[in-house]
Amino acid sequence: MIKKVFPILALSIFSSMLGVGIVAPLLPLYAENLGATGIWIGIIFAGFSISRTIFMPITGWLSDRWGRKLLLSIGLFSYSIISLGYIWADSVSQLTLVRLINGATAGMIIPIAQAYVGDISPEGEEGTWMGYFNAAFFAGFGFGPLIGGILTDHFGMNVAFSTMGGLNLLAFLVVALFLPEARQRKMAASLHPSFSEMCTSGMIKGLFSFRLASSLGRGIFATFLPIFAGIYIGLSPTLIGVLLAVNILLMSLFQLYGGHIADRFNRRTLIVIGGLTNLAFLALIPLGSNFWQLLGICALGSLGGAVALPAASALAIEEGKRFGMGSTMAMFNMAFSIGMAIGPLLSGVLADVANINSVFYFGASMSLVGAGLFIWFTR
């Protein structure tokens, strides 16, 4: 079944994330044009993750009972509509509101799509298929910044925001018309454990800690690299889009190999290696003084996620067979959202109080903490 269904799911996720990625190099600059300070830029980015964190456990729990397709379709359609709100927003407070609503709709997309893959992944091939899923995810998100930079340079930001909405509407149509309902694992569907029971698992706590720390660094990178490259080095929106695209597209390509590796080698070791690679990547960003140096650093950063994420996703699927796939993937992605919220907020304060270099060093230190906590909880 997975070979027939997965291309449909991958196409929808690719299209959705292509739209999301379009605004990645634009939003910090857009917010700054509206008068946002470093702290407000952090709040705008964090608002998306905060609302997504609140909604994900609810939608994950519901998808274990009502099915994946319905909630995934609602999420994609809602995302396409709220994308037009970015055009309407003409103040920092309005932009923050749009991001909050946008985050709530996003809570119904990636965790449920990952749970769908977990439902249909053959035993022993969890890493491979999650690697394929992550490749589609990052490919869309990687091409997005490049397209967003080009659209903004030639047509303006409003066209970029409209394109994001159109691509998410396309993803909704693909899911609604062609994706069958997932056949959920009987064990997961019958247990229906609570989130408090899930938290007794050392593996869940380890994965949550690692995912939170790595996403904190990812949030810092996505929020402040465009500002660092645009203001301190003087790069254009197109070149900033190239930097983000190279980082994410290489990560997408390496996911194809990382998934196979995760099914053949020790997954715990791969996660720790990936965490240490992320540490080096973030610590090197302040040392970049031109486009080519930043390009090399961004290429290095793609290796960390490629090594760690398929292994972590495969371990999450194993836990999902015990606790319910939708609920487990919601927990796994809650860590991502919390990190993406905390990262921009704390780094926004650091940028205002100290300097922009400090935010990248802070992210690097958190990568070390995340790897250490993962080792401790899963020892």
Protein backbone atom coordinates (compact mmCIF):
# COMPACT_ATOMS: atom_id res chain seq x y z
CA MET A 1 0.00 0.00 0.00
CA ILE A 2 2.70 2.48 0.91
CA LYS A 3 4.23 2.54 -2.59
CA LYS A 4 0.85 3.52 -4.07
CA VAL A 5 -0.22 6.04 -1.44
CA PHE A 6 3.07 7.69 -0.52
CA PRO A 7 3.54 9.64 -3.81
CA ILE A 8 0.14 11.32 -3.26
CA LEU A 9 1.02 12.27 0.30
CA ALA A 10 4.52 13.41 -0.67
CA LEU A 11 3.17 15.60 -3.48
CA SER A 12 0.71 17.32 -1.18
CA ILE A 13 3.35 17.94 1.51
CA PHE A 14 5.85 19.18 -1.09
CA SER A 15 3.29 21.65 -2.48
CA SER A 16 2.25 22.86 0.98
CA MET A 17 5.82 23.35 2.19
CA LEU A 18 6.80 25.06 -1.06
CA GLY A 19 4.20 27.69 -0.21
CA VAL A 20 5.34 27.94 3.41
CA GLY A 21 8.99 28.24 2.39
CA ILE A 22 8.25 31.15 0.09
CA VAL A 23 7.80 33.52 3.06
CA ALA A 24 10.89 32.29 4.99
CA PRO A 25 13.31 34.96 3.68
CA LEU A 26 10.57 37.60 3.56
CA LEU A 27 8.88 37.61 6.95
CA PRO A 28 11.73 39.06 9.08
CA LEU A 29 12.27 41.85 6.55
CA TYR A 30 8.50 42.38 6.17
CA ALA A 31 8.11 42.66 9.93
CA GLU A 32 11.04 45.06 10.17
CA ASN A 33 9.47 47.26 7.48
CA LEU A 34 6.34 47.44 9.66
CA GLY A 35 8.50 48.75 12.53
CA ALA A 36 9.12 45.52 14.48
CA THR A 37 12.08 45.48 16.90
CA GLY A 38 14.17 42.38 17.54
CA ILE A 39 11.83 41.30 20.34
CA TRP A 40 8.74 41.78 18.17
CA ILE A 41 10.30 39.81 15.34
CA GLY A 42 10.81 37.02 17.86
CA ILE A 43 7.18 37.32 19.01
CA ILE A 44 5.88 37.19 15.42
CA PHE A 45 7.82 34.01 14.71
CA ALA A 46 7.01 32.51 18.10
CA GLY A 47 3.27 33.18 17.74
CA PHE A 48 3.05 30.69 14.90
CA SER A 49 4.75 27.98 16.95
CA ILE A 50 2.83 28.73 20.15
CA SER A 51 -0.59 28.31 18.55
CA ARG A 52 0.60 25.26 16.62
CA THR A 53 1.84 23.71 19.89
CA ILE A 54 -1.57 24.23 21.51
CA PHE A 55 -3.50 22.66 18.64
CA MET A 56 -1.23 19.72 17.77
CA PRO A 57 -2.04 17.42 20.72
CA ILE A 58 -5.75 18.01 20.11
CA THR A 59 -5.59 17.25 16.40
CA GLY A 60 -3.24 14.30 16.94
CA TRP A 61 -5.63 12.81 19.49
CA LEU A 62 -8.59 13.38 17.17
CA SER A 63 -6.82 11.84 14.18
CA ASP A 64 -6.31 8.61 16.17
CA ARG A 65 -10.09 8.44 16.52
CA TRP A 66 -11.61 10.17 13.50
CA GLY A 67 -8.99 9.35 10.86
CA ARG A 68 -6.15 11.25 9.23
CA LYS A 69 -7.61 12.46 5.93
CA LEU A 70 -10.38 14.69 7.29
CA LEU A 71 -8.16 16.72 9.62
CA LEU A 72 -5.34 16.94 7.08
CA SER A 73 -7.78 18.30 4.48
CA ILE A 74 -9.20 20.87 6.90
CA GLY A 75 -5.68 21.99 7.85
CA LEU A 76 -4.51 22.49 4.27
CA PHE A 77 -7.66 24.37 3.22
CA SER A 78 -7.54 26.65 6.27
CA TYR A 79 -3.84 27.33 5.70
CA SER A 80 -4.53 28.42 2.12
CA ILE A 81 -7.18 30.92 3.27
CA ILE A 82 -5.22 32.48 6.14
CA SER A 83 -2.17 32.92 3.86
CA LEU A 84 -3.96 35.87 2.29
CA GLY A 85 -4.00 37.54 5.71
CA TYR A 86 -0.36 38.51 5.28
CA ILE A 87 -1.42 40.88 2.50
CA TRP A 88 -4.07 42.42 4.78
CA ALA A 89 -1.72 42.96 7.75
CA ASP A 90 -0.34 46.51 7.85
CA SER A 91 0.90 46.67 11.45
CA VAL A 92 3.01 44.55 13.78
CA SER A 93 -0.04 43.54 15.87
CA GLN A 94 -2.03 42.47 12.81
CA LEU A 95 0.89 40.45 11.48
CA THR A 96 1.18 38.75 14.87
CA LEU A 97 -2.52 37.84 14.77
CA VAL A 98 -2.18 36.34 11.30
CA ARG A 99 0.77 34.26 12.47
CA LEU A 100 -1.21 32.96 15.47
CA ILE A 101 -4.09 31.78 13.28
CA ASN A 102 -1.66 30.42 10.71
CA GLY A 103 0.05 28.33 13.38
CA ALA A 104 -3.26 26.81 14.49
CA THR A 105 -3.99 25.63 10.94
CA ALA A 106 -0.44 24.27 10.59
CA GLY A 107 -1.05 22.06 13.63
CA MET A 108 -3.32 19.91 11.48
CA ILE A 109 -0.84 19.23 8.68
CA ILE A 110 2.65 17.85 9.37
CA PRO A 111 1.95 15.74 12.53
CA ILE A 112 -1.03 14.06 10.90
CA ALA A 113 0.84 13.47 7.65
CA GLN A 114 3.70 11.91 9.62
CA ALA A 115 1.23 9.74 11.54
CA TYR A 116 -0.18 8.58 8.18
CA VAL A 117 3.31 7.49 7.09
CA GLY A 118 3.81 5.77 10.44
CA ASP A 119 0.54 3.85 9.97
CA ILE A 120 1.59 2.41 6.61
CA SER A 121 5.38 2.00 7.04
CA PRO A 122 6.47 -1.68 6.91
CA GLU A 123 8.22 -3.08 9.97
CA GLY A 124 11.94 -2.32 9.92
CA GLU A 125 11.62 0.33 7.19
CA GLU A 126 10.44 3.23 9.34
CA GLY A 127 13.65 5.20 8.81
CA THR A 128 13.55 4.75 5.05
CA TRP A 129 10.00 6.00 4.59
CA MET A 130 10.36 8.83 7.08
CA GLY A 131 13.51 9.80 5.20
CA TYR A 132 11.46 9.96 1.99
CA PHE A 133 8.78 11.99 3.79
CA ASN A 134 11.37 14.41 5.20
CA ALA A 135 12.91 14.73 1.74
CA ALA A 136 9.57 15.86 0.29
CA PHE A 137 9.07 18.20 3.26
CA PHE A 138 12.49 19.84 2.97
CA ALA A 139 12.46 19.93 -0.84
CA GLY A 140 9.32 22.03 -0.78
CA PHE A 141 10.56 24.20 2.05
CA GLY A 142 13.95 24.53 0.32
CA PHE A 143 12.71 25.66 -3.09
CA GLY A 144 10.29 28.04 -1.37
CA PRO A 145 12.84 30.63 -0.16
CA LEU A 146 14.48 30.75 -3.58
CA ILE A 147 11.13 31.31 -5.30
CA GLY A 148 10.09 33.79 -2.61
CA GLY A 149 13.21 35.88 -3.08
CA ILE A 150 12.76 35.97 -6.86
CA LEU A 151 9.04 36.80 -6.63
CA THR A 152 9.73 39.62 -4.17
CA ASP A 153 12.53 41.11 -6.26
CA HIS A 154 10.39 41.14 -9.43
CA PHE A 155 6.75 41.38 -8.31
CA GLY A 156 6.64 42.34 -4.62
CA MET A 157 5.79 40.57 -1.38
CA ASN A 158 2.03 40.45 -1.98
CA VAL A 159 2.50 38.16 -4.96
CA ALA A 160 4.70 35.88 -2.84
CA PHE A 161 2.03 35.66 -0.12
CA SER A 162 -0.68 34.92 -2.71
CA THR A 163 1.47 32.17 -4.18
CA MET A 164 1.79 30.59 -0.73
CA GLY A 165 -2.00 30.45 -0.45
CA GLY A 166 -2.41 28.99 -3.93
CA LEU A 167 0.09 26.20 -3.33
CA ASN A 168 -1.60 25.16 -0.08
CA LEU A 169 -4.94 25.11 -1.89
CA LEU A 170 -3.37 22.80 -4.49
CA ALA A 171 -2.16 20.51 -1.69
CA PHE A 172 -5.69 20.45 -0.24
CA LEU A 173 -7.15 19.37 -3.60
CA VAL A 174 -4.58 16.57 -3.98
CA VAL A 175 -5.41 15.18 -0.52
CA ALA A 176 -9.18 15.60 -0.81
CA LEU A 177 -9.41 13.98 -4.23
CA PHE A 178 -6.75 11.28 -4.26
CA LEU A 179 -5.58 10.31 -0.76
CA PRO A 180 -7.40 7.30 0.77
CA GLU A 181 -8.01 7.08 4.50
CA ALA A 182 -5.14 5.44 6.37
CA ARG A 183 -5.58 2.00 7.85
CA GLN A 184 -4.45 2.67 11.38
CA ARG A 185 -2.64 0.05 13.41
CA LYS A 186 -5.11 -1.85 15.57
CA MET A 187 -2.90 -1.76 18.65
CA ALA A 188 -2.46 1.99 18.53
CA ALA A 189 -6.13 2.59 17.85
CA SER A 190 -7.29 0.46 20.78
CA LEU A 191 -4.94 1.68 23.49
CA HIS A 192 -5.74 5.41 23.47
CA PRO A 193 -3.28 6.26 26.27
CA SER A 194 -3.05 9.70 27.79
CA PHE A 195 -0.18 12.09 27.22
CA SER A 196 0.83 11.63 30.86
CA GLU A 197 1.39 7.91 30.16
CA MET A 198 3.51 8.78 27.15
CA CYS A 199 5.71 10.96 29.33
CA THR A 200 6.79 7.93 31.35
CA SER A 201 8.71 6.65 28.32
CA GLY A 202 12.42 7.47 28.46
CA MET A 203 12.57 7.39 24.66
CA ILE A 204 9.71 9.90 24.36
CA LYS A 205 11.44 12.24 26.83
CA GLY A 206 14.77 11.85 25.03
CA LEU A 207 13.28 12.50 21.60
CA PHE A 208 11.31 15.47 22.95
CA SER A 209 14.44 17.02 24.47
CA PHE A 210 16.54 16.55 21.35
CA ARG A 211 13.82 17.78 19.02
CA LEU A 212 13.19 20.85 21.15
CA ALA A 213 16.87 21.81 21.24
CA SER A 214 17.43 21.25 17.52
CA SER A 215 14.31 23.22 16.56
CA LEU A 216 15.38 26.04 18.85
CA GLY A 217 18.52 26.34 16.75
CA ARG A 218 16.49 26.03 13.55
CA GLY A 219 14.21 28.87 14.71
CA ILE A 220 17.21 31.09 15.41
CA PHE A 221 18.67 30.28 11.99
CA ALA A 222 15.40 30.98 10.11
CA THR A 223 14.70 34.21 12.00
CA PHE A 224 18.10 35.89 12.14
CA LEU A 225 20.13 34.57 9.22
CA PRO A 226 18.12 36.78 6.78
CA ILE A 227 18.79 39.80 9.02
CA PHE A 228 22.47 38.91 9.50
CA ALA A 229 22.97 38.33 5.77
CA GLY A 230 20.84 41.27 4.62
CA ILE A 231 21.84 44.01 7.06
CA TYR A 232 25.35 43.09 8.22
CA ILE A 233 26.67 41.61 4.97
CA GLY A 234 24.42 43.41 2.49
CA LEU A 235 23.00 40.48 0.55
CA SER A 236 19.88 40.85 -1.61
CA PRO A 237 16.62 38.92 -0.95
CA THR A 238 17.49 36.58 -3.83
CA LEU A 239 20.90 35.68 -2.37
CA ILE A 240 19.35 35.23 1.08
CA GLY A 241 16.84 32.89 -0.53
CA VAL A 242 19.73 30.97 -2.12
CA LEU A 243 21.39 30.50 1.29
CA LEU A 244 18.24 29.13 2.87
CA ALA A 245 17.46 27.02 -0.19
CA VAL A 246 20.92 25.41 -0.26
CA ASN A 247 20.71 24.51 3.42
CA ILE A 248 17.28 22.94 3.14
CA LEU A 249 17.60 21.35 -0.32
CA LEU A 250 20.83 19.60 0.61
CA MET A 251 19.13 18.40 3.78
CA SER A 252 16.29 17.10 1.61
CA LEU A 253 18.70 15.23 -0.67
CA PHE A 254 20.63 13.73 2.23
CA GLN A 255 17.38 12.56 3.86
CA LEU A 256 17.10 9.92 1.15
CA TYR A 257 20.35 8.38 2.36
CA GLY A 258 19.81 9.21 6.02
CA GLY A 259 16.64 7.16 6.10
CA HIS A 260 18.38 4.04 4.82
CA ILE A 261 21.25 4.60 7.26
CA ALA A 262 18.76 4.90 10.15
CA ASP A 263 17.44 1.40 9.33
CA ARG A 264 20.93 -0.11 9.34
CA PHE A 265 22.89 1.60 12.12
CA ASN A 266 22.31 2.53 15.74
CA ARG A 267 19.68 5.28 15.73
CA ARG A 268 20.71 6.74 19.09
CA THR A 269 24.27 7.27 17.86
CA LEU A 270 23.08 8.94 14.67
CA ILE A 271 20.96 11.39 16.66
CA VAL A 272 23.92 12.41 18.83
CA ILE A 273 26.17 12.87 15.78
CA GLY A 274 23.53 15.05 14.15
CA GLY A 275 23.20 17.18 17.28
CA LEU A 276 26.94 17.85 17.43
CA THR A 277 26.98 18.75 13.73
CA ASN A 278 24.25 21.33 14.36
CA LEU A 279 26.37 22.79 17.15
CA ALA A 280 29.28 23.40 14.76
CA PHE A 281 26.98 24.81 12.07
CA LEU A 282 25.39 27.48 14.29
CA ALA A 283 28.68 28.46 15.95
CA LEU A 284 30.28 29.14 12.54
CA ILE A 285 27.59 31.50 11.19
CA PRO A 286 28.94 34.69 12.91
CA LEU A 287 32.32 33.99 11.31
CA GLY A 288 30.88 34.26 7.79
CA SER A 289 31.79 37.57 6.15
CA ASN A 290 30.54 37.07 2.60
CA PHE A 291 28.07 35.08 0.53
CA TRP A 292 30.39 32.18 -0.28
CA GLN A 293 31.43 31.61 3.32
CA LEU A 294 27.82 31.59 4.46
CA LEU A 295 26.97 29.25 1.60
CA GLY A 296 29.57 26.72 2.83
CA ILE A 297 28.33 27.02 6.41
CA CYS A 298 24.71 26.48 5.31
CA ALA A 299 25.81 23.39 3.38
CA LEU A 300 27.46 22.02 6.53
CA GLY A 301 24.27 22.67 8.49
CA SER A 302 22.29 20.42 6.18
CA LEU A 303 24.23 17.36 7.38
CA GLY A 304 23.04 17.58 10.99
CA GLY A 305 19.37 17.23 10.19
CA ALA A 306 20.02 14.64 7.49
CA VAL A 307 21.78 12.36 9.99
CA ALA A 308 19.55 12.87 13.02
CA LEU A 309 16.00 13.46 11.78
CA PRO A 310 15.28 10.13 10.01
CA ALA A 311 16.65 8.23 13.01
CA ALA A 312 14.59 10.30 15.46
CA SER A 313 11.46 9.94 13.29
CA ALA A 314 11.90 6.16 13.10
CA LEU A 315 12.20 5.92 16.89
CA ALA A 316 9.05 8.07 17.19
CA ILE A 317 7.17 5.63 14.95
CA GLU A 318 8.24 2.76 17.20
CA GLU A 319 6.79 4.62 20.18
CA GLY A 320 3.67 5.42 18.15
CA LYS A 321 2.89 1.72 17.90
CA ARG A 322 2.59 1.72 21.70
CA PHE A 323 0.88 5.05 22.35
CA GLY A 324 -1.07 5.88 19.18
CA MET A 325 0.60 7.23 16.06
CA GLY A 326 -1.25 10.55 15.90
CA SER A 327 -0.69 11.35 19.57
CA THR A 328 3.00 10.39 19.42
CA MET A 329 3.68 12.42 16.29
CA ALA A 330 1.86 15.33 17.88
CA MET A 331 4.18 15.08 20.89
CA PHE A 332 7.22 14.79 18.59
CA ASN A 333 6.16 17.91 16.69
CA MET A 334 5.15 19.79 19.84
CA ALA A 335 8.83 19.75 20.77
CA PHE A 336 9.62 21.24 17.38
CA SER A 337 7.04 23.99 17.80
CA ILE A 338 8.11 24.87 21.34
CA GLY A 339 11.71 25.16 20.20
CA MET A 340 10.68 27.30 17.23
CA ALA A 341 8.79 29.54 19.66
CA ILE A 342 11.43 29.83 22.38
CA GLY A 343 14.31 30.24 19.94
CA PRO A 344 13.12 33.46 18.25
CA LEU A 345 11.87 34.94 21.54
CA LEU A 346 15.06 34.42 23.52
CA SER A 347 17.29 35.28 20.59
CA GLY A 348 15.26 38.44 19.96
CA VAL A 349 16.05 39.55 23.50
CA LEU A 350 19.71 38.60 23.06
CA ALA A 351 19.92 40.53 19.79
CA ASP A 352 18.54 43.67 21.45
CA VAL A 353 20.60 43.36 24.64
CA ALA A 354 23.89 42.09 23.20
CA ASN A 355 24.35 41.57 19.46
CA ILE A 356 23.21 39.33 16.65
CA ASN A 357 26.26 37.04 16.92
CA SER A 358 25.19 35.99 20.41
CA VAL A 359 21.96 34.44 19.13
CA PHE A 360 23.86 31.90 17.02
CA TYR A 361 26.21 30.99 19.87
CA PHE A 362 23.18 30.50 22.09
CA GLY A 363 21.66 28.11 19.54
CA ALA A 364 24.91 26.16 19.35
CA SER A 365 25.02 25.71 23.12
CA MET A 366 21.43 24.43 23.12
CA SER A 367 22.38 21.77 20.55
CA LEU A 368 24.92 20.43 23.03
CA VAL A 369 22.33 20.43 25.81
CA GLY A 370 19.82 18.60 23.62
CA ALA A 371 22.27 15.85 22.70
CA GLY A 372 23.22 15.43 26.36
CA LEU A 373 19.61 15.13 27.51
CA PHE A 374 18.85 12.60 24.79
CA ILE A 375 21.76 10.42 25.94
CA TRP A 376 20.61 10.73 29.58
CA PHE A 377 16.96 9.84 29.05
CA THR A 378 17.65 6.95 26.67
CA ARG A 379 20.65 5.51 28.52
